[in-house]
C-alpha atoms as a PDB file:
ATOM      1  CA  MET A   1     107.298  76.816  29.917  1.00  0.00           C
ATOM      2  CA  LYS A   2     110.564  76.392  28.273  1.00  0.00           C
ATOM      3  CA  PHE A   3     112.824  78.721  27.241  1.00  0.00           C
ATOM      4  CA  THR A   4     112.067  79.439  23.478  1.00  0.00           C
ATOM      5  CA  ALA A   5     112.819  81.545  20.541  1.00  0.00           C
ATOM      6  CA  ALA A   6     110.112  83.136  21.131  1.00  0.00           C
ATOM      7  CA  LEU A   7     110.954  84.178  24.450  1.00  0.00           C
ATOM      8  CA  ALA A   8     114.278  85.590  23.224  1.00  0.00           C
ATOM      9  CA  LEU A   9     112.180  87.752  20.450  1.00  0.00           C
ATOM     10  CA  ALA A  10     110.373  89.204  23.272  1.00  0.00           C
ATOM     11  CA  LEU A  11     113.571  90.051  24.952  1.00  0.00           C
ATOM     12  CA  ALA A  12     115.061  91.621  22.014  1.00  0.00           C
ATOM     13  CA  PHE A  13     113.478  94.513  22.622  1.00  0.00           C
ATOM     14  CA  PHE A  14     115.093  95.632  25.491  1.00  0.00           C
ATOM     15  CA  ALA A  15     119.021  97.177  24.811  1.00  0.00           C
ATOM     16  CA  LEU A  16     119.835  95.949  28.694  1.00  0.00           C
ATOM     17  CA  ALA A  17     118.038  92.622  29.127  1.00  0.00           C
ATOM     18  CA  GLU A  18     119.370  89.268  28.831  1.00  0.00           C
ATOM     19  CA  ALA A  19     118.787  85.568  28.149  1.00  0.00           C
ATOM     20  CA  ARG A  20     120.837  82.508  28.862  1.00  0.00           C
ATOM     21  CA  THR A  21     120.912  79.090  29.387  1.00  0.00           C
ATOM     22  CA  TYR A  22     122.835  76.682  31.067  1.00  0.00           C
ATOM     23  CA  ASN A  23     123.210  72.935  32.139  1.00  0.00           C
ATOM     24  CA  LYS A  24     124.612  72.362  35.680  1.00  0.00           C
ATOM     25  CA  CYS A  25     123.809  70.117  38.770  1.00  0.00           C
ATOM     26  CA  GLY A  26     121.858  67.787  36.817  1.00  0.00           C
ATOM     27  CA  TYR A  27     119.561  70.849  35.306  1.00  0.00           C
ATOM     28  CA  LYS A  28     119.283  72.741  32.200  1.00  0.00           C
ATOM     29  CA  PHE A  29     117.684  76.568  33.114  1.00  0.00           C
ATOM     30  CA  ALA A  30     117.421  79.839  31.956  1.00  0.00           C
ATOM     31  CA  VAL A  31     119.291  83.111  33.466  1.00  0.00           C
ATOM     32  CA  LEU A  32     116.842  86.544  32.429  1.00  0.00           C
ATOM     33  CA  THR A  33     118.458  89.861  33.414  1.00  0.00           C
ATOM     34  CA  ALA A  34     117.214  93.333  32.516  1.00  0.00           C
ATOM     35  CA  THR A  35     117.468  96.861  34.108  1.00  0.00           C
ATOM     36  CA  SER A  36     115.451 100.420  33.085  1.00  0.00           C
ATOM     37  CA  ARG A  37     115.355 103.642  34.628  1.00  0.00           C
ATOM     38  CA  ASN A  38     111.667 102.745  35.699  1.00  0.00           C
ATOM     39  CA  ALA A  39     109.122 100.491  36.391  1.00  0.00           C
ATOM     40  CA  ASN A  40     107.627 100.969  33.289  1.00  0.00           C
ATOM     41  CA  GLY A  41     110.397  99.927  31.437  1.00  0.00           C
ATOM     42  CA  LEU A  42     111.123  96.728  33.242  1.00  0.00           C
ATOM     43  CA  ARG A  43     107.342  95.628  33.334  1.00  0.00           C
ATOM     44  CA  ARG A  44     107.969  93.314  29.899  1.00  0.00           C
ATOM     45  CA  ALA A  45     110.944  91.124  31.125  1.00  0.00           C
ATOM     46  CA  PHE A  46     108.736  91.070  34.732  1.00  0.00           C
ATOM     47  CA  THR A  47     105.896  89.449  32.765  1.00  0.00           C
ATOM     48  CA  THR A  48     108.253  87.456  30.404  1.00  0.00           C
ATOM     49  CA  PHE A  49     109.464  85.574  33.619  1.00  0.00           C
ATOM     50  CA  GLN A  50     106.169  85.661  35.332  1.00  0.00           C
ATOM     51  CA  ASN A  51     105.134  83.660  31.680  1.00  0.00           C
ATOM     52  CA  ALA A  52     108.181  81.245  32.327  1.00  0.00           C
ATOM     53  CA  LEU A  53     106.374  80.415  35.286  1.00  0.00           C
ATOM     54  CA  GLY A  54     102.914  79.521  34.361  1.00  0.00           C
ATOM     55  CA  GLY A  55     101.561  83.063  34.303  1.00  0.00           C
ATOM     56  CA  ILE A  56      99.406  82.602  36.946  1.00  0.00           C
ATOM     57  CA  ASP A  57      99.427  84.206  40.076  1.00  0.00           C
ATOM     58  CA  ASN A  58      98.504  81.888  43.070  1.00  0.00           C
ATOM     59  CA  GLY A  59      98.027  84.221  45.302  1.00  0.00           C
ATOM     60  CA  ASN A  60      96.846  83.136  49.179  1.00  0.00           C
ATOM     61  CA  GLU A  61      95.473  79.906  47.738  1.00  0.00           C
ATOM     62  CA  ALA A  62      96.050  76.913  49.934  1.00  0.00           C
ATOM     63  CA  GLY A  63      99.124  74.439  48.459  1.00  0.00           C
ATOM     64  CA  PRO A  64      99.989  72.188  47.093  1.00  0.00           C
ATOM     65  CA  LEU A  65      99.147  73.731  43.579  1.00  0.00           C
ATOM     66  CA  PHE A  66     100.727  72.110  40.472  1.00  0.00           C
ATOM     67  CA  SER A  67     101.262  75.176  38.386  1.00  0.00           C
ATOM     68  CA  GLY A  68     101.530  78.893  38.236  1.00  0.00           C
ATOM     69  CA  PHE A  69     103.362  80.855  40.825  1.00  0.00           C
ATOM     70  CA  ARG A  70     103.553  83.016  43.902  1.00  0.00           C
ATOM     71  CA  SER A  71     104.825  87.091  44.146  1.00  0.00           C
ATOM     72  CA  ILE A  72     105.111  89.416  46.758  1.00  0.00           C
ATOM     73  CA  ASN A  73     104.921  93.200  46.083  1.00  0.00           C
ATOM     74  CA  TRP A  74     105.014  94.460  49.976  1.00  0.00           C
ATOM     75  CA  ASP A  75     102.205  96.872  49.321  1.00  0.00           C
ATOM     76  CA  ALA A  76      99.340  95.703  51.480  1.00  0.00           C
ATOM     77  CA  GLU A  77      98.886  97.972  54.481  1.00  0.00           C
ATOM     78  CA  VAL A  78      98.940  94.752  56.540  1.00  0.00           C
ATOM     79  CA  VAL A  79     102.490  93.966  55.935  1.00  0.00           C
ATOM     80  CA  PRO A  80     103.799  95.811  59.336  1.00  0.00           C
ATOM     81  CA  PHE A  81     107.226  98.154  58.901  1.00  0.00           C
ATOM     82  CA  ASP A  82     109.195  95.342  61.500  1.00  0.00           C
ATOM     83  CA  MET A  83     108.121  92.315  59.527  1.00  0.00           C
ATOM     84  CA  PRO A  84     108.484  89.223  61.035  1.00  0.00           C
ATOM     85  CA  PHE A  85     110.964  86.475  59.087  1.00  0.00           C
ATOM     86  CA  ASN A  86     107.954  84.376  58.578  1.00  0.00           C
ATOM     87  CA  PHE A  87     104.834  86.898  57.800  1.00  0.00           C
ATOM     88  CA  PHE A  88     104.339  85.340  54.277  1.00  0.00           C
ATOM     89  CA  ASP A  89     104.151  81.637  55.299  1.00  0.00           C
ATOM     90  CA  LYS A  90     102.228  82.180  58.764  1.00  0.00           C
ATOM     91  CA  ASN A  91     100.166  85.603  58.301  1.00  0.00           C
ATOM     92  CA  VAL A  92      99.963  85.729  54.414  1.00  0.00           C
ATOM     93  CA  THR A  93     100.003  82.516  52.506  1.00  0.00           C
ATOM     94  CA  ARG A  94     102.817  82.621  50.449  1.00  0.00           C
ATOM     95  CA  GLY A  95     105.086  80.005  51.111  1.00  0.00           C
ATOM     96  CA  ALA A  96     108.020  81.941  51.689  1.00  0.00           C
ATOM     97  CA  VAL A  97     110.283  82.291  54.747  1.00  0.00           C
ATOM     98  CA  PHE A  98     113.522  85.145  54.424  1.00  0.00           C
ATOM     99  CA  GLN A  99     116.719  84.900  56.845  1.00  0.00           C
ATOM    100  CA  ALA A 100     118.907  87.201  57.781  1.00  0.00           C
ATOM    101  CA  ALA A 101     121.051  88.729  60.682  1.00  0.00           C
ATOM    102  CA  LYS A 102     119.008  88.599  63.550  1.00  0.00           C
ATOM    103  CA  ARG A 103     115.953  87.795  61.969  1.00  0.00           C
ATOM    104  CA  GLU A 104     115.146  91.864  61.550  1.00  0.00           C
ATOM    105  CA  PHE A 105     113.721  93.311  58.371  1.00  0.00           C
ATOM    106  CA  ARG A 106     111.599  96.411  57.088  1.00  0.00           C
ATOM    107  CA  VAL A 107     109.401  97.296  55.089  1.00  0.00           C
ATOM    108  CA  SER A 108     108.807 101.198  53.879  1.00  0.00           C
ATOM    109  CA  ASN A 109     105.958 103.459  53.959  1.00  0.00           C
ATOM    110  CA  PRO A 110     104.148 101.575  56.864  1.00  0.00           C
ATOM    111  CA  VAL A 111     100.450 102.016  57.752  1.00  0.00           C
ATOM    112  CA  PRO A 112     100.075 103.336  60.634  1.00  0.00           C
ATOM    113  CA  PRO A 113     103.410 105.135  61.027  1.00  0.00           C
ATOM    114  CA  PRO A 114     106.284 105.380  62.450  1.00  0.00           C
ATOM    115  CA  VAL A 115     106.363 107.628  59.470  1.00  0.00           C
ATOM    116  CA  ASP A 116     108.655 106.347  56.829  1.00  0.00           C
ATOM    117  CA  ASP A 117     109.119 106.781  52.949  1.00  0.00           C
ATOM    118  CA  ARG A 118     111.462 104.406  51.090  1.00  0.00           C
ATOM    119  CA  PHE A 119     113.293 104.025  54.663  1.00  0.00           C
ATOM    120  CA  ASP A 120     114.235 107.872  54.796  1.00  0.00           C
ATOM    121  CA  SER A 121     113.762 106.682  58.454  1.00  0.00           C
ATOM    122  CA  LEU A 122     116.463 104.833  58.446  1.00  0.00           C
ATOM    123  CA  LEU A 123     118.989 106.385  55.983  1.00  0.00           C
ATOM    124  CA  PRO A 124     120.197 109.540  54.827  1.00  0.00           C
ATOM    125  CA  LYS A 125     117.559 111.466  52.166  1.00  0.00           C
ATOM    126  CA  GLY A 126     120.747 111.654  49.796  1.00  0.00           C
ATOM    127  CA  ILE A 127     119.941 107.737  49.385  1.00  0.00           C
ATOM    128  CA  THR A 128     116.509 107.164  50.003  1.00  0.00           C
ATOM    129  CA  ASN A 129     116.228 109.990  46.978  1.00  0.00           C
ATOM    130  CA  GLN A 130     117.733 107.486  44.530  1.00  0.00           C
ATOM    131  CA  PHE A 131     115.186 104.571  45.235  1.00  0.00           C
ATOM    132  CA  GLN A 132     111.994 104.370  43.180  1.00  0.00           C
ATOM    133  CA  THR A 133     109.522 101.249  43.410  1.00  0.00           C
ATOM    134  CA  PHE A 134     108.503  98.903  40.998  1.00  0.00           C
ATOM    135  CA  SER A 135     105.188  98.449  42.352  1.00  0.00           C
ATOM    136  CA  PRO A 136     104.411 101.385  44.373  1.00  0.00           C
ATOM    137  CA  LYS A 137     104.821 101.983  46.997  1.00  0.00           C
ATOM    138  CA  ARG A 138     107.023  99.853  48.960  1.00  0.00           C
ATOM    139  CA  LEU A 139     110.721  98.404  49.366  1.00  0.00           C
ATOM    140  CA  PHE A 140     111.734  95.512  51.549  1.00  0.00           C
ATOM    141  CA  THR A 141     114.998  95.091  53.047  1.00  0.00           C
ATOM    142  CA  PRO A 142     116.949  92.982  55.887  1.00  0.00           C
ATOM    143  CA  LEU A 143     118.507  95.417  58.292  1.00  0.00           C
ATOM    144  CA  VAL A 144     121.504  94.399  59.986  1.00  0.00           C
ATOM    145  CA  LYS A 145     123.540  92.881  57.420  1.00  0.00           C
ATOM    146  CA  ASN A 146     122.874  93.649  53.556  1.00  0.00           C
ATOM    147  CA  ARG A 147     122.050  89.663  52.579  1.00  0.00           C
ATOM    148  CA  VAL A 148     118.904  87.630  52.824  1.00  0.00           C
ATOM    149  CA  THR A 149     118.068  84.207  52.258  1.00  0.00           C
ATOM    150  CA  GLN A 150     114.695  83.237  50.825  1.00  0.00           C
ATOM    151  CA  ILE A 151     113.408  79.454  51.496  1.00  0.00           C
ATOM    152  CA  PHE A 152     110.281  77.986  50.687  1.00  0.00           C
ATOM    153  CA  LYS A 153     107.334  76.440  51.792  1.00  0.00           C
ATOM    154  CA  ILE A 154     104.057  74.576  50.499  1.00  0.00           C
ATOM    155  CA  PRO A 155     101.302  77.521  51.323  1.00  0.00           C
ATOM    156  CA  THR A 156      99.307  76.661  54.384  1.00  0.00           C
ATOM    157  CA  LEU A 157     101.394  73.433  55.411  1.00  0.00           C
ATOM    158  CA  ASN A 158     104.389  73.644  57.408  1.00  0.00           C
ATOM    159  CA  LYS A 159     106.732  71.696  54.647  1.00  0.00           C
ATOM    160  CA  ARG A 160     109.736  72.630  52.734  1.00  0.00           C
ATOM    161  CA  ALA A 161     109.722  73.003  49.566  1.00  0.00           C
ATOM    162  CA  ASN A 162     111.596  73.574  46.128  1.00  0.00           C
ATOM    163  CA  VAL A 163     110.430  76.546  43.147  1.00  0.00           C
ATOM    164  CA  SER A 164     111.354  75.879  39.410  1.00  0.00           C
ATOM    165  CA  GLY A 165     112.446  79.515  39.294  1.00  0.00           C
ATOM    166  CA  MET A 166     112.821  82.962  41.079  1.00  0.00           C
ATOM    167  CA  GLY A 167     113.071  86.391  40.083  1.00  0.00           C
ATOM    168  CA  ALA A 168     113.747  89.722  42.255  1.00  0.00           C
ATOM    169  CA  VAL A 169     113.322  93.671  41.315  1.00  0.00           C
ATOM    170  CA  PHE A 170     116.843  95.386  42.847  1.00  0.00           C
ATOM    171  CA  VAL A 171     117.052  99.250  43.398  1.00  0.00           C
ATOM    172  CA  ASP A 172     119.721 101.515  43.069  1.00  0.00           C
ATOM    173  CA  VAL A 173     121.853  98.858  41.723  1.00  0.00           C
ATOM    174  CA  ASP A 174     125.257 101.115  41.631  1.00  0.00           C
ATOM    175  CA  LEU A 175     128.229  98.652  41.487  1.00  0.00           C
ATOM    176  CA  ARG A 176     128.710  95.752  38.958  1.00  0.00           C
ATOM    177  CA  ARG A 177     128.859  92.263  40.377  1.00  0.00           C
ATOM    178  CA  GLN A 178     127.925  93.602  44.043  1.00  0.00           C
ATOM    179  CA  THR A 179     124.991  92.358  44.069  1.00  0.00           C
ATOM    180  CA  TRP A 180     124.122  89.060  43.541  1.00  0.00           C
ATOM    181  CA  MET A 181     121.490  85.793  43.755  1.00  0.00           C
ATOM    182  CA  ASP A 182     123.030  82.513  44.751  1.00  0.00           C
ATOM    183  CA  PHE A 183     120.736  79.895  43.916  1.00  0.00           C
ATOM    184  CA  TYR A 184     121.280  76.100  45.367  1.00  0.00           C
ATOM    185  CA  THR A 185     119.343  72.971  45.119  1.00  0.00           C
ATOM    186  CA  LYS A 186     118.323  70.966  48.051  1.00  0.00           C
ATOM    187  CA  SER A 187     121.776  68.382  47.710  1.00  0.00           C
ATOM    188  CA  GLY A 188     123.537  72.106  48.046  1.00  0.00           C
ATOM    189  CA  CYS A 189     124.821  72.025  44.524  1.00  0.00           C
ATOM    190  CA  LEU A 190     125.094  75.911  43.413  1.00  0.00           C
ATOM    191  CA  LEU A 191     123.180  76.357  40.408  1.00  0.00           C
ATOM    192  CA  ILE A 192     124.781  79.451  39.584  1.00  0.00           C
ATOM    193  CA  ARG A 193     125.768  83.010  41.273  1.00  0.00           C
ATOM    194  CA  VAL A 194     123.629  85.412  39.244  1.00  0.00           C
ATOM    195  CA  PHE A 195     125.316  88.957  39.195  1.00  0.00           C
ATOM    196  CA  VAL A 196     122.251  91.720  38.848  1.00  0.00           C
ATOM    197  CA  PRO A 197     123.176  94.577  36.375  1.00  0.00           C
ATOM    198  CA  PRO A 198     123.492  98.331  37.950  1.00  0.00           C
ATOM    199  CA  ARG A 199     121.173 101.026  37.301  1.00  0.00           C
ATOM    200  CA  ASN A 200     122.251 104.160  39.102  1.00  0.00           C
ATOM    201  CA  ARG A 201     118.997 105.200  40.213  1.00  0.00           C
ATOM    202  CA  GLY A 202     116.966 102.489  38.301  1.00  0.00           C
ATOM    203  CA  LEU A 203     115.532  98.716  38.738  1.00  0.00           C
ATOM    204  CA  SER A 204     117.608  95.651  38.143  1.00  0.00           C
ATOM    205  CA  PHE A 205     115.838  92.632  37.451  1.00  0.00           C
ATOM    206  CA  ALA A 206     117.463  89.058  37.905  1.00  0.00           C
ATOM    207  CA  GLY A 207     115.936  85.507  37.964  1.00  0.00           C
ATOM    208  CA  LEU A 208     116.539  81.777  37.299  1.00  0.00           C
ATOM    209  CA  TYR A 209     113.795  79.606  36.286  1.00  0.00           C
ATOM    210  CA  ASP A 210     114.147  75.736  34.919  1.00  0.00           C
ATOM    211  CA  LEU A 211     113.453  75.038  31.543  1.00  0.00           C
ATOM    212  CA  ASN A 212     111.464  72.096  31.996  1.00  0.00           C
ATOM    213  CA  GLY A 213     109.549  73.373  34.708  1.00  0.00           C
ATOM    214  CA  LYS A 214     110.843  71.357  37.713  1.00  0.00           C
ATOM    215  CA  PRO A 215     110.924  72.583  41.236  1.00  0.00           C
ATOM    216  CA  ILE A 216     114.845  72.583  41.482  1.00  0.00           C
ATOM    217  CA  ILE A 217     115.254  75.717  43.783  1.00  0.00           C
ATOM    218  CA  TRP A 218     115.545  75.312  47.403  1.00  0.00           C
ATOM    219  CA  ARG A 219     116.899  78.093  48.550  1.00  0.00           C
ATOM    220  CA  VAL A 220     118.335  81.804  47.400  1.00  0.00           C
ATOM    221  CA  VAL A 221     120.830  84.029  49.012  1.00  0.00           C
ATOM    222  CA  MET A 222     120.743  87.537  48.072  1.00  0.00           C
ATOM    223  CA  LYS A 223     123.691  90.094  48.361  1.00  0.00           C
ATOM    224  CA  LEU A 224     122.666  93.428  48.294  1.00  0.00           C
ATOM    225  CA  GLY A 225     125.497  95.773  47.575  1.00  0.00           C
ATOM    226  CA  THR A 226     128.266  96.437  49.445  1.00  0.00           C
ATOM    227  CA  ILE A 227     126.315  97.648  52.999  1.00  0.00           C
ATOM    228  CA  SER A 228     123.470  97.420  54.951  1.00  0.00           C
ATOM    229  CA  VAL A 229     120.895  99.526  56.075  1.00  0.00           C
ATOM    230  CA  GLN A 230     121.663 100.219  59.706  1.00  0.00           C
ATOM    231  CA  ASP A 231     125.490 100.455  58.904  1.00  0.00           C
ATOM    232  CA  ALA A 232     124.738 103.168  55.999  1.00  0.00           C
ATOM    233  CA  GLY A 233     122.420 104.816  58.772  1.00  0.00           C
ATOM    234  CA  ALA A 234     124.772 104.919  61.407  1.00  0.00           C
ATOM    235  CA  ARG A 235     128.139 105.895  59.657  1.00  0.00           C
ATOM    236  CA  TYR A 236     127.355 106.498  56.211  1.00  0.00           C
ATOM    237  CA  ARG A 237     130.098 108.788  54.322  1.00  0.00           C
ATOM    238  CA  GLY A 238     129.099 108.593  50.544  1.00  0.00           C
ATOM    239  CA  ARG A 239     130.747 105.356  50.274  1.00  0.00           C
ATOM    240  CA  GLY A 240     129.309 102.149  49.303  1.00  0.00           C
ATOM    241  CA  ASP A 241     126.306 100.660  47.385  1.00  0.00           C
ATOM    242  CA  VAL A 242     122.848 100.538  49.214  1.00  0.00           C
ATOM    243  CA  VAL A 243     120.175  97.979  47.616  1.00  0.00           C
ATOM    244  CA  VAL A 244     117.071  97.300  48.475  1.00  0.00           C
ATOM    245  CA  LEU A 245     114.436  94.830  47.596  1.00  0.00           C
ATOM    246  CA  ASP A 246     110.948  95.724  45.651  1.00  0.00           C
ATOM    247  CA  ASP A 247     108.893  92.839  43.767  1.00  0.00           C
ATOM    248  CA  LEU A 248     109.635  88.921  44.467  1.00  0.00           C
ATOM    249  CA  LEU A 249     108.112  86.190  42.330  1.00  0.00           C
ATOM    250  CA  TYR A 250     109.010  82.348  42.787  1.00  0.00           C
ATOM    251  CA  GLY A 251     107.361  79.508  41.110  1.00  0.00           C
ATOM    252  CA  GLU A 252     104.879  77.669  42.913  1.00  0.00           C
ATOM    253  CA  PRO A 253     106.349  75.080  46.160  1.00  0.00           C
ATOM    254  CA  ALA A 254     106.389  71.280  45.397  1.00  0.00           C
ATOM    255  CA  LEU A 255     107.352  68.888  47.770  1.00  0.00           C
END
């Protein structure tokens, strides 16, 4: 879906939403950012981005498909607390693989135990009390470091892929220009670094999509705040911004 005046008009209803267009690495693309104090306030920006990716969630359907998007909200009970890096490729066929230090990831509020509520088994409640969810009730984070990379595969096929866009919901971003997304093409060209707008105790959204629907994104690197969950849990002294993730969505993976 091309970025149009209609999309701009839809975003105008958000005092804290912004859309901009760019031309870099030989591609034309749009960047959407938004913040809200709660999930309801972020919903329209999220839906606008879904529509920009084709408007249809392809779920766990086998690929390749040629339209629509995939999404991850972490909320199914089958997702384990110590989630494997390729869980949403091998176990749940969404075509998403995550990379981070020591391949350690956590998903909050697991069933069955360990008992955890928004990572309060890993972090002081003074931090986790500031976390809320976009989709109830689970959140995602890398553990050891505060960076995570997402790469894409054709669902049910072991083939690397590109996507036409990707967006993410960030939780409790306190500091400006400390949480960001880097979008890379297959050739290694950095399309743009998108700084996630802050919203203390709230929710933020950031995403990029190609204006012509071309699959141009090979990988996305996300930096979450200034300190990792592991480091904050071990020695947090009231300094540093701990940021975690909720919903992700990305264009249908394509060769």
